[in-house]
Amino acid sequence: MQNQKFYEDEYASVLYDYKPIIRGHCLVIPKRHVEHLQDLTDQEMLSAHKAMGELFRASQKTYEATSYLILQKNGKAAGQSVPHVHFHFFPRKEGDYSDIGLLARFYISSFKSSLSQDQIDDERNLLAHEIYQSQEVEFQEAQ
């Protein structure tokens, strides 16, 4: 199993996606198992929101992002394939991908090969460095 996690608090974790559709594609995942968004507590939602803010600040420095897209599929009919609430975070900047191009990449990602652990480590270390530097907390890079 790959080590993808690089940020967490009491209620949520952030992982670098092992099959990213664009560089910087991460997952924000509440720690408590719930299948639907409406089943999260207010504190869990605030924690996920805080994690997304940290990710955006790190993405601004790491990927020169100026915006971001959040995707959350809520229920099987919406295309939710993993029965656990999670948010896909995509850093964006002007001229990177059209919305249709991004969605096409999302749907063909299941046919892509997974990143190696070294590739995941490189990306998560870059993001974690920015997050923990802004919090003035030391981050232990993956070995």
N, C-alpha and C. Protein backbone atom coordinates (compact mmCIF):
# COMPACT_ATOMS: atom_id res chain seq x y z
N MET A 1 0.84 -1.19 0.00
CA MET A 1 0.00 0.00 0.00
C MET A 1 0.88 1.25 0.00
N GLN A 2 0.48 2.23 -0.77
CA GLN A 2 1.26 3.44 -0.88
C GLN A 2 0.98 4.40 0.26
N ASN A 3 2.01 5.14 0.65
CA ASN A 3 1.87 6.16 1.67
C ASN A 3 1.59 7.48 0.95
N GLN A 4 0.37 7.94 1.04
CA GLN A 4 -0.04 9.14 0.32
C GLN A 4 -0.31 10.32 1.25
N LYS A 5 -0.52 10.07 2.52
CA LYS A 5 -0.94 11.11 3.46
C LYS A 5 0.20 12.07 3.77
N PHE A 6 -0.15 13.36 3.82
CA PHE A 6 0.86 14.36 4.19
C PHE A 6 0.33 15.43 5.11
N TYR A 7 -0.95 15.38 5.44
CA TYR A 7 -1.52 16.37 6.36
C TYR A 7 -2.70 15.71 7.05
N GLU A 8 -2.86 16.02 8.34
CA GLU A 8 -4.05 15.57 9.03
C GLU A 8 -4.27 16.41 10.27
N ASP A 9 -5.51 16.42 10.69
CA ASP A 9 -5.86 16.99 11.98
C ASP A 9 -6.78 15.97 12.65
N GLU A 10 -7.50 16.39 13.66
CA GLU A 10 -8.33 15.45 14.42
C GLU A 10 -9.44 14.82 13.58
N TYR A 11 -9.93 15.54 12.54
CA TYR A 11 -11.11 15.09 11.81
C TYR A 11 -10.90 14.74 10.35
N ALA A 12 -9.78 15.14 9.76
CA ALA A 12 -9.59 14.91 8.32
C ALA A 12 -8.14 14.61 7.99
N SER A 13 -7.96 13.94 6.86
CA SER A 13 -6.63 13.66 6.33
C SER A 13 -6.57 14.16 4.89
N VAL A 14 -5.36 14.46 4.43
CA VAL A 14 -5.15 14.85 3.04
C VAL A 14 -4.13 13.90 2.44
N LEU A 15 -4.48 13.35 1.28
CA LEU A 15 -3.62 12.42 0.57
C LEU A 15 -3.33 12.95 -0.82
N TYR A 16 -2.14 12.63 -1.32
CA TYR A 16 -1.85 12.91 -2.72
C TYR A 16 -2.43 11.75 -3.52
N ASP A 17 -3.22 12.04 -4.54
CA ASP A 17 -3.87 10.99 -5.31
C ASP A 17 -2.83 10.11 -6.01
N TYR A 18 -3.01 8.81 -5.95
CA TYR A 18 -2.03 7.90 -6.54
C TYR A 18 -2.18 7.79 -8.05
N LYS A 19 -3.30 8.31 -8.60
CA LYS A 19 -3.50 8.41 -10.05
C LYS A 19 -3.98 9.83 -10.36
N PRO A 20 -3.14 10.82 -10.14
CA PRO A 20 -3.61 12.21 -10.29
C PRO A 20 -3.96 12.53 -11.74
N ILE A 21 -5.06 13.24 -11.91
CA ILE A 21 -5.42 13.63 -13.27
C ILE A 21 -4.66 14.89 -13.71
N ILE A 22 -4.25 15.69 -12.74
CA ILE A 22 -3.34 16.80 -12.99
C ILE A 22 -2.38 16.86 -11.80
N ARG A 23 -1.27 17.52 -11.99
CA ARG A 23 -0.31 17.66 -10.90
C ARG A 23 -0.96 18.45 -9.76
N GLY A 24 -0.85 17.91 -8.55
CA GLY A 24 -1.44 18.56 -7.39
C GLY A 24 -2.79 17.99 -6.98
N HIS A 25 -3.30 17.01 -7.71
CA HIS A 25 -4.59 16.39 -7.40
C HIS A 25 -4.48 15.68 -6.06
N CYS A 26 -5.28 16.12 -5.11
CA CYS A 26 -5.26 15.55 -3.76
C CYS A 26 -6.67 15.16 -3.34
N LEU A 27 -6.73 14.38 -2.28
CA LEU A 27 -8.00 13.97 -1.69
C LEU A 27 -8.07 14.47 -0.26
N VAL A 28 -9.18 15.08 0.09
CA VAL A 28 -9.45 15.49 1.47
C VAL A 28 -10.51 14.51 1.98
N ILE A 29 -10.16 13.79 3.05
CA ILE A 29 -11.00 12.69 3.51
C ILE A 29 -11.30 12.83 5.00
N PRO A 30 -12.59 12.94 5.35
CA PRO A 30 -12.94 12.91 6.77
C PRO A 30 -12.50 11.57 7.37
N LYS A 31 -12.02 11.60 8.61
CA LYS A 31 -11.54 10.37 9.25
C LYS A 31 -12.68 9.44 9.64
N ARG A 32 -13.78 9.99 10.08
CA ARG A 32 -14.91 9.15 10.46
C ARG A 32 -15.59 8.65 9.20
N HIS A 33 -15.91 7.37 9.17
CA HIS A 33 -16.54 6.79 7.99
C HIS A 33 -18.01 7.21 7.90
N VAL A 34 -18.30 7.97 6.86
CA VAL A 34 -19.69 8.27 6.49
C VAL A 34 -19.75 8.20 4.97
N GLU A 35 -20.88 7.77 4.46
CA GLU A 35 -21.02 7.61 3.02
C GLU A 35 -21.48 8.87 2.32
N HIS A 36 -22.26 9.69 3.02
CA HIS A 36 -22.85 10.87 2.38
C HIS A 36 -22.44 12.17 3.07
N LEU A 37 -22.30 13.19 2.27
CA LEU A 37 -21.87 14.51 2.73
C LEU A 37 -22.73 15.02 3.88
N GLN A 38 -24.03 14.85 3.77
CA GLN A 38 -24.94 15.38 4.79
C GLN A 38 -24.80 14.69 6.14
N ASP A 39 -24.05 13.58 6.19
CA ASP A 39 -23.85 12.88 7.45
C ASP A 39 -22.63 13.38 8.23
N LEU A 40 -21.86 14.29 7.64
CA LEU A 40 -20.72 14.88 8.35
C LEU A 40 -21.22 15.87 9.39
N THR A 41 -20.51 15.95 10.50
CA THR A 41 -20.82 16.95 11.52
C THR A 41 -20.30 18.31 11.06
N ASP A 42 -20.75 19.35 11.72
CA ASP A 42 -20.24 20.69 11.41
C ASP A 42 -18.73 20.75 11.59
N GLN A 43 -18.22 20.14 12.66
CA GLN A 43 -16.78 20.16 12.92
C GLN A 43 -16.01 19.43 11.82
N GLU A 44 -16.54 18.33 11.34
CA GLU A 44 -15.89 17.59 10.25
C GLU A 44 -15.87 18.42 8.97
N MET A 45 -16.96 19.12 8.69
CA MET A 45 -17.00 19.99 7.50
C MET A 45 -16.00 21.14 7.65
N LEU A 46 -15.94 21.74 8.83
CA LEU A 46 -14.98 22.82 9.06
C LEU A 46 -13.54 22.32 8.89
N SER A 47 -13.28 21.14 9.37
CA SER A 47 -11.95 20.56 9.25
C SER A 47 -11.58 20.32 7.78
N ALA A 48 -12.53 19.78 7.01
CA ALA A 48 -12.28 19.56 5.58
C ALA A 48 -12.05 20.90 4.88
N HIS A 49 -12.85 21.90 5.24
CA HIS A 49 -12.70 23.23 4.65
C HIS A 49 -11.33 23.82 4.98
N LYS A 50 -10.90 23.66 6.22
CA LYS A 50 -9.59 24.16 6.62
C LYS A 50 -8.48 23.47 5.83
N ALA A 51 -8.61 22.15 5.66
CA ALA A 51 -7.61 21.40 4.90
C ALA A 51 -7.55 21.90 3.46
N MET A 52 -8.69 22.21 2.86
CA MET A 52 -8.71 22.73 1.49
C MET A 52 -8.03 24.09 1.42
N GLY A 53 -8.23 24.91 2.43
CA GLY A 53 -7.53 26.20 2.47
C GLY A 53 -6.03 26.03 2.57
N GLU A 54 -5.59 25.11 3.40
CA GLU A 54 -4.15 24.82 3.52
C GLU A 54 -3.60 24.31 2.19
N LEU A 55 -4.35 23.43 1.55
CA LEU A 55 -3.93 22.90 0.25
C LEU A 55 -3.81 24.00 -0.78
N PHE A 56 -4.78 24.92 -0.80
CA PHE A 56 -4.71 26.00 -1.78
C PHE A 56 -3.49 26.88 -1.55
N ARG A 57 -3.23 27.24 -0.30
CA ARG A 57 -2.05 28.07 -0.01
C ARG A 57 -0.77 27.35 -0.45
N ALA A 58 -0.69 26.05 -0.18
CA ALA A 58 0.49 25.29 -0.59
C ALA A 58 0.56 25.18 -2.11
N SER A 59 -0.58 25.04 -2.77
CA SER A 59 -0.62 24.91 -4.23
C SER A 59 -0.24 26.21 -4.93
N GLN A 60 -0.54 27.34 -4.28
CA GLN A 60 -0.14 28.62 -4.86
C GLN A 60 1.37 28.68 -5.00
N LYS A 61 2.08 28.22 -3.98
CA LYS A 61 3.54 28.26 -4.01
C LYS A 61 4.13 27.11 -4.81
N THR A 62 3.55 25.93 -4.70
CA THR A 62 4.11 24.74 -5.33
C THR A 62 3.80 24.67 -6.82
N TYR A 63 2.56 25.00 -7.21
CA TYR A 63 2.12 24.85 -8.60
C TYR A 63 1.72 26.17 -9.26
N GLU A 64 1.93 27.27 -8.57
CA GLU A 64 1.52 28.59 -9.06
C GLU A 64 0.02 28.65 -9.34
N ALA A 65 -0.75 27.93 -8.53
CA ALA A 65 -2.21 27.91 -8.67
C ALA A 65 -2.79 29.28 -8.33
N THR A 66 -3.83 29.65 -9.06
CA THR A 66 -4.56 30.89 -8.78
C THR A 66 -5.99 30.59 -8.37
N SER A 67 -6.39 29.35 -8.54
CA SER A 67 -7.76 28.91 -8.24
C SER A 67 -7.72 27.42 -7.90
N TYR A 68 -8.86 26.90 -7.54
CA TYR A 68 -8.94 25.45 -7.37
C TYR A 68 -10.37 24.98 -7.61
N LEU A 69 -10.46 23.69 -7.92
CA LEU A 69 -11.73 23.04 -8.15
C LEU A 69 -11.88 21.94 -7.12
N ILE A 70 -13.06 21.85 -6.51
CA ILE A 70 -13.39 20.78 -5.57
C ILE A 70 -14.47 19.94 -6.23
N LEU A 71 -14.28 18.62 -6.22
CA LEU A 71 -15.28 17.70 -6.76
C LEU A 71 -15.63 16.70 -5.67
N GLN A 72 -16.92 16.56 -5.40
CA GLN A 72 -17.39 15.59 -4.41
C GLN A 72 -18.63 14.93 -4.98
N LYS A 73 -18.54 13.64 -5.21
CA LYS A 73 -19.67 12.88 -5.72
C LYS A 73 -20.43 12.30 -4.52
N ASN A 74 -21.70 12.65 -4.40
CA ASN A 74 -22.48 12.29 -3.22
C ASN A 74 -23.59 11.30 -3.60
N GLY A 75 -23.26 10.01 -3.51
CA GLY A 75 -24.22 8.96 -3.83
C GLY A 75 -23.89 8.24 -5.11
N LYS A 76 -24.32 7.01 -5.19
CA LYS A 76 -24.01 6.14 -6.34
C LYS A 76 -24.50 6.75 -7.66
N ALA A 77 -25.70 7.31 -7.66
CA ALA A 77 -26.25 7.89 -8.89
C ALA A 77 -25.42 9.08 -9.38
N ALA A 78 -24.66 9.69 -8.48
CA ALA A 78 -23.78 10.82 -8.85
C ALA A 78 -22.41 10.34 -9.29
N GLY A 79 -22.19 9.03 -9.28
CA GLY A 79 -20.90 8.48 -9.70
C GLY A 79 -19.95 8.18 -8.57
N GLN A 80 -20.43 8.24 -7.33
CA GLN A 80 -19.58 7.94 -6.17
C GLN A 80 -19.24 6.45 -6.19
N SER A 81 -17.97 6.13 -6.39
CA SER A 81 -17.55 4.73 -6.49
C SER A 81 -16.96 4.22 -5.18
N VAL A 82 -16.52 5.11 -4.32
CA VAL A 82 -16.00 4.74 -3.00
C VAL A 82 -17.03 5.19 -1.97
N PRO A 83 -17.59 4.27 -1.18
CA PRO A 83 -18.66 4.65 -0.25
C PRO A 83 -18.14 5.31 1.02
N HIS A 84 -17.34 6.35 0.86
CA HIS A 84 -16.81 7.15 1.96
C HIS A 84 -16.66 8.57 1.42
N VAL A 85 -17.22 9.53 2.13
CA VAL A 85 -17.13 10.93 1.68
C VAL A 85 -15.66 11.29 1.46
N HIS A 86 -15.38 11.91 0.34
CA HIS A 86 -14.06 12.46 0.07
C HIS A 86 -14.20 13.56 -0.97
N PHE A 87 -13.27 14.48 -0.93
CA PHE A 87 -13.26 15.63 -1.84
C PHE A 87 -12.01 15.56 -2.70
N HIS A 88 -12.18 15.69 -4.00
CA HIS A 88 -11.04 15.80 -4.91
C HIS A 88 -10.69 17.28 -5.00
N PHE A 89 -9.42 17.59 -4.81
CA PHE A 89 -8.91 18.96 -4.88
C PHE A 89 -8.00 19.07 -6.09
N PHE A 90 -8.30 20.03 -6.98
CA PHE A 90 -7.50 20.24 -8.19
C PHE A 90 -7.00 21.68 -8.22
N PRO A 91 -5.70 21.92 -8.08
CA PRO A 91 -5.20 23.29 -8.22
C PRO A 91 -5.31 23.72 -9.69
N ARG A 92 -5.70 24.95 -9.91
CA ARG A 92 -5.90 25.44 -11.28
C ARG A 92 -5.19 26.78 -11.46
N LYS A 93 -4.89 27.07 -12.71
CA LYS A 93 -4.39 28.39 -13.09
C LYS A 93 -4.87 28.69 -14.49
N GLU A 94 -4.87 29.93 -14.85
CA GLU A 94 -5.36 30.36 -16.15
C GLU A 94 -4.69 29.56 -17.27
N GLY A 95 -5.52 29.06 -18.19
CA GLY A 95 -5.00 28.40 -19.38
C GLY A 95 -4.52 26.97 -19.20
N ASP A 96 -4.77 26.35 -18.03
CA ASP A 96 -4.24 25.00 -17.84
C ASP A 96 -5.07 23.94 -18.58
N TYR A 97 -6.32 23.80 -18.29
CA TYR A 97 -7.18 22.81 -18.93
C TYR A 97 -8.57 23.40 -19.06
N SER A 98 -9.27 23.02 -20.12
CA SER A 98 -10.69 23.38 -20.20
C SER A 98 -11.44 22.51 -19.20
N ASP A 99 -12.63 22.93 -18.83
CA ASP A 99 -13.43 22.12 -17.90
C ASP A 99 -13.71 20.74 -18.49
N ILE A 100 -14.01 20.69 -19.78
CA ILE A 100 -14.29 19.41 -20.44
C ILE A 100 -13.03 18.56 -20.48
N GLY A 101 -11.89 19.18 -20.75
CA GLY A 101 -10.62 18.45 -20.76
C GLY A 101 -10.30 17.87 -19.40
N LEU A 102 -10.56 18.63 -18.36
CA LEU A 102 -10.31 18.16 -17.00
C LEU A 102 -11.23 16.99 -16.66
N LEU A 103 -12.50 17.11 -17.00
CA LEU A 103 -13.43 16.01 -16.73
C LEU A 103 -13.08 14.77 -17.53
N ALA A 104 -12.66 14.94 -18.77
CA ALA A 104 -12.25 13.79 -19.58
C ALA A 104 -11.06 13.09 -18.93
N ARG A 105 -10.09 13.86 -18.45
CA ARG A 105 -8.94 13.29 -17.76
C ARG A 105 -9.38 12.54 -16.50
N PHE A 106 -10.38 13.07 -15.83
CA PHE A 106 -10.88 12.43 -14.61
C PHE A 106 -11.45 11.05 -14.93
N TYR A 107 -12.25 10.98 -15.98
CA TYR A 107 -12.91 9.71 -16.30
C TYR A 107 -11.98 8.68 -16.93
N ILE A 108 -10.90 9.10 -17.56
CA ILE A 108 -9.96 8.11 -18.12
C ILE A 108 -8.84 7.76 -17.14
N SER A 109 -8.83 8.40 -15.97
CA SER A 109 -7.76 8.15 -15.00
C SER A 109 -7.73 6.71 -14.51
N SER A 110 -8.87 6.02 -14.53
CA SER A 110 -8.88 4.63 -14.06
C SER A 110 -8.04 3.73 -14.95
N PHE A 111 -7.74 4.17 -16.17
CA PHE A 111 -6.92 3.38 -17.09
C PHE A 111 -5.43 3.72 -16.98
N LYS A 112 -5.11 4.74 -16.20
CA LYS A 112 -3.72 5.16 -16.02
C LYS A 112 -3.01 4.25 -15.03
N SER A 113 -1.70 4.21 -15.15
CA SER A 113 -0.89 3.51 -14.15
C SER A 113 -0.78 4.40 -12.91
N SER A 114 -0.63 3.76 -11.77
CA SER A 114 -0.42 4.49 -10.53
C SER A 114 0.96 5.11 -10.51
N LEU A 115 1.11 6.21 -9.78
CA LEU A 115 2.42 6.79 -9.56
C LEU A 115 3.24 5.84 -8.69
N SER A 116 4.55 5.91 -8.82
CA SER A 116 5.42 5.15 -7.92
C SER A 116 5.41 5.85 -6.56
N GLN A 117 5.85 5.13 -5.54
CA GLN A 117 5.93 5.74 -4.22
C GLN A 117 6.88 6.93 -4.23
N ASP A 118 7.97 6.85 -4.98
CA ASP A 118 8.91 7.97 -5.08
C ASP A 118 8.24 9.21 -5.68
N GLN A 119 7.41 9.01 -6.71
CA GLN A 119 6.71 10.14 -7.32
C GLN A 119 5.70 10.75 -6.35
N ILE A 120 4.99 9.91 -5.64
CA ILE A 120 4.04 10.41 -4.64
C ILE A 120 4.79 11.17 -3.55
N ASP A 121 5.89 10.59 -3.08
CA ASP A 121 6.68 11.25 -2.03
C ASP A 121 7.16 12.62 -2.47
N ASP A 122 7.62 12.74 -3.73
CA ASP A 122 8.09 14.03 -4.22
C ASP A 122 6.98 15.09 -4.12
N GLU A 123 5.79 14.75 -4.57
CA GLU A 123 4.69 15.72 -4.57
C GLU A 123 4.19 16.01 -3.16
N ARG A 124 4.01 14.99 -2.36
CA ARG A 124 3.47 15.23 -1.02
C ARG A 124 4.47 15.97 -0.15
N ASN A 125 5.77 15.73 -0.37
CA ASN A 125 6.78 16.46 0.39
C ASN A 125 6.78 17.94 0.02
N LEU A 126 6.59 18.26 -1.26
CA LEU A 126 6.52 19.66 -1.68
C LEU A 126 5.33 20.36 -1.01
N LEU A 127 4.17 19.73 -1.06
CA LEU A 127 2.97 20.33 -0.48
C LEU A 127 3.07 20.42 1.04
N ALA A 128 3.51 19.34 1.67
CA ALA A 128 3.63 19.33 3.13
C ALA A 128 4.61 20.39 3.60
N HIS A 129 5.70 20.56 2.89
CA HIS A 129 6.69 21.58 3.26
C HIS A 129 6.03 22.95 3.33
N GLU A 130 5.22 23.27 2.34
CA GLU A 130 4.55 24.58 2.32
C GLU A 130 3.51 24.70 3.43
N ILE A 131 2.76 23.63 3.67
CA ILE A 131 1.74 23.68 4.72
C ILE A 131 2.39 23.85 6.08
N TYR A 132 3.36 23.02 6.37
CA TYR A 132 3.96 23.05 7.70
C TYR A 132 4.87 24.26 7.90
N GLN A 133 5.45 24.78 6.83
CA GLN A 133 6.23 26.00 6.94
C GLN A 133 5.34 27.16 7.34
N SER A 134 4.13 27.22 6.77
CA SER A 134 3.21 28.31 7.12
C SER A 134 2.70 28.17 8.54
N GLN A 135 2.71 26.95 9.08
CA GLN A 135 2.27 26.73 10.45
C GLN A 135 3.43 26.74 11.43
N GLU A 136 4.63 26.91 10.91
CA GLU A 136 5.85 26.90 11.70
C GLU A 136 5.97 25.61 12.51
N VAL A 137 5.62 24.49 11.87
CA VAL A 137 5.73 23.17 12.44
C VAL A 137 6.67 22.38 11.55
N GLU A 138 7.51 21.58 12.13
CA GLU A 138 8.46 20.80 11.35
C GLU A 138 7.77 19.58 10.76
N PHE A 139 8.02 19.34 9.47
CA PHE A 139 7.48 18.18 8.77
C PHE A 139 8.60 17.21 8.52
N GLN A 140 8.35 15.94 8.79
CA GLN A 140 9.34 14.89 8.54
C GLN A 140 9.11 14.35 7.14
N GLU A 141 10.03 14.62 6.21
CA GLU A 141 9.87 14.15 4.85
C GLU A 141 9.93 12.63 4.78
N ALA A 142 9.26 12.09 3.77
CA ALA A 142 9.28 10.65 3.55
C ALA A 142 10.70 10.21 3.24
N GLN A 143 11.07 9.06 3.73
CA GLN A 143 12.40 8.52 3.49
C GLN A 143 12.37 7.55 2.35
